[in-house]
Amino acid sequence: MPEDALACCAPLVTEPMSTEQAAQVARLLKVLGDPVRVRLLSMVLAGEGREACACDLLPAFELSQPTISHHLKVLHEAGLLDREKRGVWVYWRARPEALEALARLFSDVLAPGVTA
């Protein structure tokens, strides 16, 4: 997925999306449709400096290291995480611009004064 996959997309209430825009957003939402990935993203966001070492993420799951690495790679390829190798470990950092774009996508969905 291109890094600017959501940059093209105005909030849902602004105007209808094109077929291509909808496909880009659907791919990103599919990435976030996996509970392991949502939890990994949450752990990175909750980490100091909004980053986490893979060494701290692995023990939190009853999954193999290759499985966790795969999920982190998917989040990275979707543009939600950046990675930096430090010594033998990889540190994962949230990409605030991607998360802000995702939040903007759903901004103003409820009319002012309307509650869910």
C-alpha atoms as a PDB file:
ATOM      1  CA  MET A   1       0.000   0.000   0.000  1.00  0.00           C
ATOM      2  CA  PRO A   2       1.408   3.430  -0.855  1.00  0.00           C
ATOM      3  CA  GLU A   3       2.551   5.517   2.105  1.00  0.00           C
ATOM      4  CA  ASP A   4       0.046   8.234   1.234  1.00  0.00           C
ATOM      5  CA  ALA A   5      -2.874   5.843   0.818  1.00  0.00           C
ATOM      6  CA  LEU A   6      -5.134   7.972   2.990  1.00  0.00           C
ATOM      7  CA  ALA A   7      -3.783  11.369   1.951  1.00  0.00           C
ATOM      8  CA  CYS A   8      -6.066  11.307  -1.064  1.00  0.00           C
ATOM      9  CA  CYS A   9      -9.185  10.662   0.933  1.00  0.00           C
ATOM     10  CA  ALA A  10     -11.370  13.348   2.415  1.00  0.00           C
ATOM     11  CA  PRO A  11     -13.617  12.522   5.353  1.00  0.00           C
ATOM     12  CA  LEU A  12     -16.411  10.149   4.389  1.00  0.00           C
ATOM     13  CA  VAL A  13     -19.047  12.867   4.755  1.00  0.00           C
ATOM     14  CA  THR A  14     -17.304  15.323   2.406  1.00  0.00           C
ATOM     15  CA  GLU A  15     -17.929  13.547  -0.880  1.00  0.00           C
ATOM     16  CA  PRO A  16     -18.331   9.994  -2.143  1.00  0.00           C
ATOM     17  CA  MET A  17     -15.061   8.119  -2.618  1.00  0.00           C
ATOM     18  CA  SER A  18     -13.885   6.880  -5.955  1.00  0.00           C
ATOM     19  CA  THR A  19     -13.608   3.145  -6.485  1.00  0.00           C
ATOM     20  CA  GLU A  20      -9.798   3.380  -6.139  1.00  0.00           C
ATOM     21  CA  GLN A  21      -9.999   5.390  -2.916  1.00  0.00           C
ATOM     22  CA  ALA A  22     -12.484   2.944  -1.417  1.00  0.00           C
ATOM     23  CA  ALA A  23     -10.200   0.025  -2.331  1.00  0.00           C
ATOM     24  CA  GLN A  24      -7.213   1.733  -0.633  1.00  0.00           C
ATOM     25  CA  VAL A  25      -9.180   2.407   2.545  1.00  0.00           C
ATOM     26  CA  ALA A  26     -10.625  -1.118   2.543  1.00  0.00           C
ATOM     27  CA  ARG A  27      -7.100  -2.591   2.368  1.00  0.00           C
ATOM     28  CA  LEU A  28      -6.035  -0.531   5.376  1.00  0.00           C
ATOM     29  CA  LEU A  29      -9.139  -1.469   7.356  1.00  0.00           C
ATOM     30  CA  LYS A  30      -8.521  -5.116   6.496  1.00  0.00           C
ATOM     31  CA  VAL A  31      -5.026  -4.774   8.001  1.00  0.00           C
ATOM     32  CA  LEU A  32      -6.646  -3.424  11.165  1.00  0.00           C
ATOM     33  CA  GLY A  33      -9.261  -6.186  11.100  1.00  0.00           C
ATOM     34  CA  ASP A  34      -6.888  -8.612  12.802  1.00  0.00           C
ATOM     35  CA  PRO A  35      -6.912  -8.510  16.633  1.00  0.00           C
ATOM     36  CA  VAL A  36      -3.199  -9.341  16.862  1.00  0.00           C
ATOM     37  CA  ARG A  37      -2.350  -6.365  14.647  1.00  0.00           C
ATOM     38  CA  VAL A  38      -4.630  -4.041  16.578  1.00  0.00           C
ATOM     39  CA  ARG A  39      -3.002  -5.176  19.815  1.00  0.00           C
ATOM     40  CA  LEU A  40       0.514  -4.743  18.386  1.00  0.00           C
ATOM     41  CA  LEU A  41      -0.359  -1.248  17.184  1.00  0.00           C
ATOM     42  CA  SER A  42      -1.795  -0.449  20.611  1.00  0.00           C
ATOM     43  CA  MET A  43       1.349  -1.693  22.346  1.00  0.00           C
ATOM     44  CA  VAL A  44       3.564   0.435  20.107  1.00  0.00           C
ATOM     45  CA  LEU A  45       1.373   3.504  20.633  1.00  0.00           C
ATOM     46  CA  ALA A  46       1.384   2.965  24.403  1.00  0.00           C
ATOM     47  CA  GLY A  47       5.163   2.596  24.498  1.00  0.00           C
ATOM     48  CA  GLU A  48       7.493   5.356  25.605  1.00  0.00           C
ATOM     49  CA  GLY A  49       7.974   7.674  22.650  1.00  0.00           C
ATOM     50  CA  ARG A  50       5.231   5.746  20.855  1.00  0.00           C
ATOM     51  CA  GLU A  51       7.694   3.017  20.017  1.00  0.00           C
ATOM     52  CA  ALA A  52       8.430  -0.513  21.163  1.00  0.00           C
ATOM     53  CA  CYS A  53      11.210  -3.031  20.762  1.00  0.00           C
ATOM     54  CA  ALA A  54      10.285  -6.321  19.172  1.00  0.00           C
ATOM     55  CA  CYS A  55      11.895  -7.909  22.216  1.00  0.00           C
ATOM     56  CA  ASP A  56       9.121  -6.389  24.374  1.00  0.00           C
ATOM     57  CA  LEU A  57       6.305  -7.313  22.008  1.00  0.00           C
ATOM     58  CA  LEU A  58       7.063 -11.004  21.551  1.00  0.00           C
ATOM     59  CA  PRO A  59       6.480 -12.159  25.167  1.00  0.00           C
ATOM     60  CA  ALA A  60       2.994 -10.624  25.198  1.00  0.00           C
ATOM     61  CA  PHE A  61       1.694 -13.206  22.717  1.00  0.00           C
ATOM     62  CA  GLU A  62       1.425 -16.957  22.594  1.00  0.00           C
ATOM     63  CA  LEU A  63       2.538 -16.846  18.983  1.00  0.00           C
ATOM     64  CA  SER A  64       5.831 -17.650  17.321  1.00  0.00           C
ATOM     65  CA  GLN A  65       8.380 -14.960  16.541  1.00  0.00           C
ATOM     66  CA  PRO A  66       7.890 -15.389  12.767  1.00  0.00           C
ATOM     67  CA  THR A  67       4.122 -14.884  13.184  1.00  0.00           C
ATOM     68  CA  ILE A  68       4.583 -11.671  15.191  1.00  0.00           C
ATOM     69  CA  SER A  69       7.181 -10.483  12.671  1.00  0.00           C
ATOM     70  CA  HIS A  70       4.698 -11.118   9.868  1.00  0.00           C
ATOM     71  CA  HIS A  71       1.993  -9.048  11.587  1.00  0.00           C
ATOM     72  CA  LEU A  72       4.462  -6.203  12.209  1.00  0.00           C
ATOM     73  CA  LYS A  73       5.527  -6.342   8.569  1.00  0.00           C
ATOM     74  CA  VAL A  74       1.908  -6.063   7.444  1.00  0.00           C
ATOM     75  CA  LEU A  75       1.420  -2.992   9.673  1.00  0.00           C
ATOM     76  CA  HIS A  76       4.635  -1.542   8.260  1.00  0.00           C
ATOM     77  CA  GLU A  77       3.628  -2.181   4.646  1.00  0.00           C
ATOM     78  CA  ALA A  78       0.263  -0.534   5.338  1.00  0.00           C
ATOM     79  CA  GLY A  79       2.140   2.601   6.415  1.00  0.00           C
ATOM     80  CA  LEU A  80       1.077   2.483  10.064  1.00  0.00           C
ATOM     81  CA  LEU A  81       4.496   1.613  11.545  1.00  0.00           C
ATOM     82  CA  ASP A  82       8.104   2.501  10.816  1.00  0.00           C
ATOM     83  CA  ARG A  83      10.986   0.298  11.884  1.00  0.00           C
ATOM     84  CA  GLU A  84      14.563   0.924  12.903  1.00  0.00           C
ATOM     85  CA  LYS A  85      17.168  -1.712  13.578  1.00  0.00           C
ATOM     86  CA  ARG A  86      19.265  -1.042  16.683  1.00  0.00           C
ATOM     87  CA  GLY A  87      21.860  -3.707  17.220  1.00  0.00           C
ATOM     88  CA  VAL A  88      20.135  -7.063  16.967  1.00  0.00           C
ATOM     89  CA  TRP A  89      16.638  -5.719  17.725  1.00  0.00           C
ATOM     90  CA  VAL A  90      14.064  -3.920  15.626  1.00  0.00           C
ATOM     91  CA  TYR A  91      12.212  -0.989  17.159  1.00  0.00           C
ATOM     92  CA  TRP A  92       8.764  -0.162  15.851  1.00  0.00           C
ATOM     93  CA  ARG A  93       7.389   3.376  15.862  1.00  0.00           C
ATOM     94  CA  ALA A  94       3.880   4.519  15.007  1.00  0.00           C
ATOM     95  CA  ARG A  95       3.531   6.864  12.032  1.00  0.00           C
ATOM     96  CA  PRO A  96       1.414   9.699  13.441  1.00  0.00           C
ATOM     97  CA  GLU A  97       0.607  11.083  10.001  1.00  0.00           C
ATOM     98  CA  ALA A  98      -0.968   7.768   8.959  1.00  0.00           C
ATOM     99  CA  LEU A  99      -3.002   7.554  12.162  1.00  0.00           C
ATOM    100  CA  GLU A 100      -4.106  11.180  11.792  1.00  0.00           C
ATOM    101  CA  ALA A 101      -5.198  10.506   8.205  1.00  0.00           C
ATOM    102  CA  LEU A 102      -7.187   7.501   9.377  1.00  0.00           C
ATOM    103  CA  ALA A 103      -8.843   9.578  12.105  1.00  0.00           C
ATOM    104  CA  ARG A 104      -9.667  12.354   9.603  1.00  0.00           C
ATOM    105  CA  LEU A 105     -11.339   9.805   7.370  1.00  0.00           C
ATOM    106  CA  PHE A 106     -13.982   9.267  10.033  1.00  0.00           C
ATOM    107  CA  SER A 107     -14.118  12.825  11.341  1.00  0.00           C
ATOM    108  CA  ASP A 108     -17.447  14.597  11.203  1.00  0.00           C
ATOM    109  CA  VAL A 109     -19.341  11.370  10.530  1.00  0.00           C
ATOM    110  CA  LEU A 110     -21.834  12.354  13.210  1.00  0.00           C
ATOM    111  CA  ALA A 111     -23.516  15.699  12.747  1.00  0.00           C
ATOM    112  CA  PRO A 112     -22.672  18.239  15.463  1.00  0.00           C
ATOM    113  CA  GLY A 113     -24.679  17.506  18.559  1.00  0.00           C
ATOM    114  CA  VAL A 114     -25.491  13.929  17.546  1.00  0.00           C
ATOM    115  CA  THR A 115     -24.233  11.197  19.830  1.00  0.00           C
ATOM    116  CA  ALA A 116     -23.824   7.539  19.066  1.00  0.00           C
END
